[in-house]
């Protein structure tokens, strides 16, 4: 039986190209363009592997992994991203990712990452700035030194606010009242000691709730 795979990235052309590359070896059972769509598909289709980006609208890759890890979905998570930030990669492994692969890597490396993940082991791109052992150690250290905690729902609100959504838009997406969303937002700010939307955005970037696309070298 072929390995069943879901793909998730908010760039449709990239997802289509990735699907063509992987189709000879895997059964591509679906594609998603945002985190919430990915959760729905994963619960419906129960794939063996999910190849996904970290930076996805509405719900980022870290939150997707956290949510699906609490359900009956038993997929292996392979992160495929352009981000080389050590803390971001460490957080991905801490959330439950099996592999962290850079998009500029060759297709052979992605296949190697998928095979390694299916064997229950971890994989890190050879071009990443640090080695796998160092990164996994950083993931453990970061867990022990974790600062103020916010809830899953608060992280969802934080991402949508950091993406520039209005309170009404956030309320619609989360099926909440506007007043409830405002309450979540101000409780986040109180817990974290943040006093502006700009501060919320900076915090969201720092903990990997949203990510900034690296600038290409001139």
Protein backbone atom coordinates (compact mmCIF):
# COMPACT_ATOMS: atom_id res chain seq x y z
CA UNK A 1 0.00 0.00 0.00
CA UNK A 2 1.33 3.45 -0.92
CA UNK A 3 2.03 6.08 1.70
CA UNK A 4 -0.86 8.57 1.85
CA UNK A 5 0.20 12.20 2.02
CA UNK A 6 -1.31 15.65 2.57
CA UNK A 7 0.45 18.81 1.36
CA UNK A 8 -0.03 22.28 2.84
CA UNK A 9 1.36 25.60 1.65
CA UNK A 10 -0.31 28.93 0.94
CA UNK A 11 1.40 29.23 -2.47
CA UNK A 12 -0.68 27.21 -4.92
CA UNK A 13 1.97 26.98 -7.65
CA UNK A 14 4.51 25.61 -5.16
CA UNK A 15 2.01 23.02 -3.88
CA UNK A 16 1.21 21.90 -7.43
CA UNK A 17 4.91 21.52 -8.27
CA UNK A 18 5.53 19.63 -5.03
CA UNK A 19 2.59 17.33 -5.75
CA UNK A 20 3.99 16.47 -9.20
CA UNK A 21 7.40 15.74 -7.70
CA UNK A 22 6.09 13.45 -4.95
CA UNK A 23 3.25 11.72 -6.84
CA UNK A 24 5.43 8.96 -8.37
CA UNK A 25 6.32 7.67 -4.89
CA UNK A 26 3.38 8.69 -2.71
CA UNK A 27 -0.40 8.94 -2.92
CA UNK A 28 -1.25 12.65 -2.66
CA UNK A 29 -4.70 12.61 -1.07
CA UNK A 30 -5.21 16.36 -0.67
CA UNK A 31 -3.73 19.86 -0.50
CA UNK A 32 -4.47 22.76 1.85
CA UNK A 33 -3.73 26.48 1.56
CA UNK A 34 -4.18 27.46 5.22
CA UNK A 35 -3.90 25.89 8.64
CA UNK A 36 -7.60 25.51 9.33
CA UNK A 37 -8.21 23.78 6.02
CA UNK A 38 -5.32 21.44 6.78
CA UNK A 39 -6.82 20.42 10.13
CA UNK A 40 -10.16 19.64 8.48
CA UNK A 41 -8.54 17.54 5.73
CA UNK A 42 -6.25 15.70 8.16
CA UNK A 43 -9.18 14.71 10.37
CA UNK A 44 -11.23 13.57 7.37
CA UNK A 45 -8.49 11.72 5.47
CA UNK A 46 -6.09 10.55 8.22
CA UNK A 47 -2.87 10.68 6.15
CA UNK A 48 0.39 8.88 6.93
CA UNK A 49 2.50 12.01 6.32
CA UNK A 50 1.78 15.74 6.22
CA UNK A 51 4.29 17.92 4.37
CA UNK A 52 3.64 21.50 5.41
CA UNK A 53 5.04 25.00 5.70
CA UNK A 54 5.36 26.81 9.03
CA UNK A 55 3.96 30.08 7.67
CA UNK A 56 0.31 29.52 6.86
CA UNK A 57 -2.57 31.99 7.16
CA UNK A 58 -5.39 31.67 9.72
CA UNK A 59 -3.48 29.04 11.72
CA UNK A 60 0.27 28.50 11.57
CA UNK A 61 2.04 25.18 11.26
CA UNK A 62 2.98 24.97 14.95
CA UNK A 63 -0.63 25.30 16.06
CA UNK A 64 -1.77 22.80 13.42
CA UNK A 65 0.64 20.21 14.81
CA UNK A 66 -0.44 20.92 18.39
CA UNK A 67 -4.11 20.51 17.47
CA UNK A 68 -3.66 17.34 15.42
CA UNK A 69 -1.40 15.74 18.03
CA UNK A 70 -4.36 15.85 20.42
CA UNK A 71 -6.65 14.02 17.98
CA UNK A 72 -6.75 10.58 16.41
CA UNK A 73 -4.54 11.77 13.52
CA UNK A 74 -1.28 9.83 13.67
CA UNK A 75 0.51 11.42 10.72
CA UNK A 76 4.21 12.24 10.68
CA UNK A 77 4.82 15.97 10.22
CA UNK A 78 7.50 17.11 7.77
CA UNK A 79 8.12 20.87 7.78
CA UNK A 80 9.16 22.26 4.39
CA UNK A 81 10.09 25.92 4.70
CA UNK A 82 12.47 28.68 3.67
CA UNK A 83 13.09 29.75 7.28
CA UNK A 84 16.50 29.02 8.82
CA UNK A 85 15.75 30.44 12.26
CA UNK A 86 17.07 28.08 14.94
CA UNK A 87 14.40 28.90 17.53
CA UNK A 88 11.65 28.33 14.94
CA UNK A 89 13.04 24.92 13.99
CA UNK A 90 13.46 23.99 17.66
CA UNK A 91 9.83 24.92 18.32
CA UNK A 92 8.73 22.79 15.37
CA UNK A 93 10.44 19.72 16.83
CA UNK A 94 9.10 20.52 20.29
CA UNK A 95 5.56 20.66 18.91
CA UNK A 96 5.96 17.21 17.34
CA UNK A 97 7.47 17.63 13.87
CA UNK A 98 9.65 14.76 12.68
CA UNK A 99 11.59 16.65 10.00
CA UNK A 100 12.58 20.21 9.15
CA UNK A 101 13.59 20.63 5.50
CA UNK A 102 14.59 23.82 3.70
CA UNK A 103 12.73 24.59 0.47
CA UNK A 104 15.97 25.21 -1.38
CA UNK A 105 17.04 21.61 -0.70
CA UNK A 106 16.96 19.04 -3.48
CA UNK A 107 14.03 16.69 -3.91
CA UNK A 108 16.19 13.76 -2.78
CA UNK A 109 16.59 15.40 0.63
CA UNK A 110 12.84 15.78 1.05
CA UNK A 111 12.36 12.11 0.19
CA UNK A 112 15.05 11.19 2.71
CA UNK A 113 13.27 13.30 5.34
CA UNK A 114 9.94 11.58 4.65
CA UNK A 115 11.47 8.10 4.87
CA UNK A 116 13.29 9.04 8.10
CA UNK A 117 10.07 10.41 9.62
CA UNK A 118 8.15 7.25 8.73
CA UNK A 119 10.83 5.23 10.55
CA UNK A 120 10.14 7.22 13.72
CA UNK A 121 13.31 9.29 13.62
CA UNK A 122 14.13 13.00 13.22
CA UNK A 123 15.59 14.70 10.16
CA UNK A 124 17.14 18.15 9.61
CA UNK A 125 18.30 19.70 6.33
CA UNK A 126 22.04 19.38 5.82
CA UNK A 127 22.19 23.10 4.92
CA UNK A 128 20.66 24.19 8.24
CA UNK A 129 22.94 26.46 10.36
CA UNK A 130 23.19 23.95 13.25
CA UNK A 131 23.19 20.16 13.48
CA UNK A 132 20.23 18.02 14.56
CA UNK A 133 21.59 17.10 18.01
CA UNK A 134 22.16 20.78 18.86
CA UNK A 135 18.70 21.68 17.62
CA UNK A 136 16.93 18.97 19.60
CA UNK A 137 18.86 20.06 22.69
CA UNK A 138 17.70 23.63 22.04
CA UNK A 139 14.12 22.38 21.80
CA UNK A 140 14.41 20.80 25.27
CA UNK A 141 16.14 23.85 26.73
CA UNK A 142 13.51 26.22 25.31
CA UNK A 143 10.77 24.07 26.84
CA UNK A 144 12.36 24.36 30.27
CA UNK A 145 12.88 28.12 29.98
CA UNK A 146 9.43 28.90 28.61
CA UNK A 147 8.05 32.22 29.81
CA UNK A 148 4.44 33.32 30.40
CA UNK A 149 1.96 30.88 28.88
CA UNK A 150 -1.09 31.74 26.83
CA UNK A 151 -3.83 29.28 25.94
CA UNK A 152 -4.42 27.65 22.56
CA UNK A 153 -7.40 29.93 21.90
CA UNK A 154 -5.33 32.96 22.87
CA UNK A 155 -2.61 31.91 20.41
CA UNK A 156 -5.25 31.62 17.68
CA UNK A 157 -6.49 35.14 18.44
CA UNK A 158 -2.91 36.38 18.60
CA UNK A 159 -2.10 35.06 15.13
CA UNK A 160 -5.20 36.55 13.53
CA UNK A 161 -4.63 39.94 15.19
CA UNK A 162 -0.96 39.86 14.15
CA UNK A 163 -2.07 39.10 10.57
CA UNK A 164 -4.04 42.37 10.64
CA UNK A 165 -7.55 40.97 11.04
CA UNK A 166 -10.16 43.21 12.67
CA UNK A 167 -11.94 42.11 15.84
CA UNK A 168 -15.06 41.39 13.76
CA UNK A 169 -13.08 39.27 11.26
CA UNK A 170 -11.43 37.32 14.09
CA UNK A 171 -14.81 36.75 15.71
CA UNK A 172 -16.25 35.41 12.46
CA UNK A 173 -13.33 33.06 11.84
CA UNK A 174 -13.43 31.65 15.37
CA UNK A 175 -17.23 31.64 15.71
CA UNK A 176 -17.06 33.94 18.73
CA UNK A 177 -18.62 37.28 19.62
CA UNK A 178 -16.59 40.43 18.99
CA UNK A 179 -16.70 41.19 22.71
CA UNK A 180 -15.24 37.76 23.53
CA UNK A 181 -12.41 38.26 21.03
CA UNK A 182 -11.64 41.68 22.53
CA UNK A 183 -11.55 40.03 25.96
CA UNK A 184 -9.05 37.43 24.70
CA UNK A 185 -6.89 40.14 23.14
CA UNK A 186 -6.69 42.28 26.25
CA UNK A 187 -6.06 39.26 28.47
CA UNK A 188 -3.14 38.30 26.20
CA UNK A 189 -1.76 41.82 26.50
CA UNK A 190 -2.17 41.76 30.29
CA UNK A 191 -0.45 38.38 30.72
CA UNK A 192 2.45 39.32 28.46
CA UNK A 193 2.79 42.93 29.61
CA UNK A 194 2.26 44.23 26.06
CA UNK A 195 0.55 47.57 25.46
CA UNK A 196 0.09 47.88 21.67
CA UNK A 197 -0.79 45.94 18.54
CA UNK A 198 2.79 46.44 17.34
CA UNK A 199 3.99 44.73 20.50
CA UNK A 200 1.63 41.82 19.84
CA UNK A 201 3.00 41.45 16.31
CA UNK A 202 6.59 41.48 17.58
CA UNK A 203 5.76 38.85 20.19
CA UNK A 204 3.94 36.70 17.61
CA UNK A 205 7.02 36.77 15.39
CA UNK A 206 9.35 35.97 18.29
CA UNK A 207 7.45 32.82 19.35
CA UNK A 208 6.82 31.67 15.76
CA UNK A 209 3.05 32.27 15.68
CA UNK A 210 3.69 34.26 12.52
CA UNK A 211 6.93 34.41 10.56
CA UNK A 212 8.58 37.01 8.39
CA UNK A 213 9.77 35.93 4.96
CA UNK A 214 13.58 36.35 4.77
CA UNK A 215 14.81 38.99 2.35
CA UNK A 216 16.69 37.64 -0.66
CA UNK A 217 20.32 38.68 -0.88
CA UNK A 218 21.01 41.35 -3.51
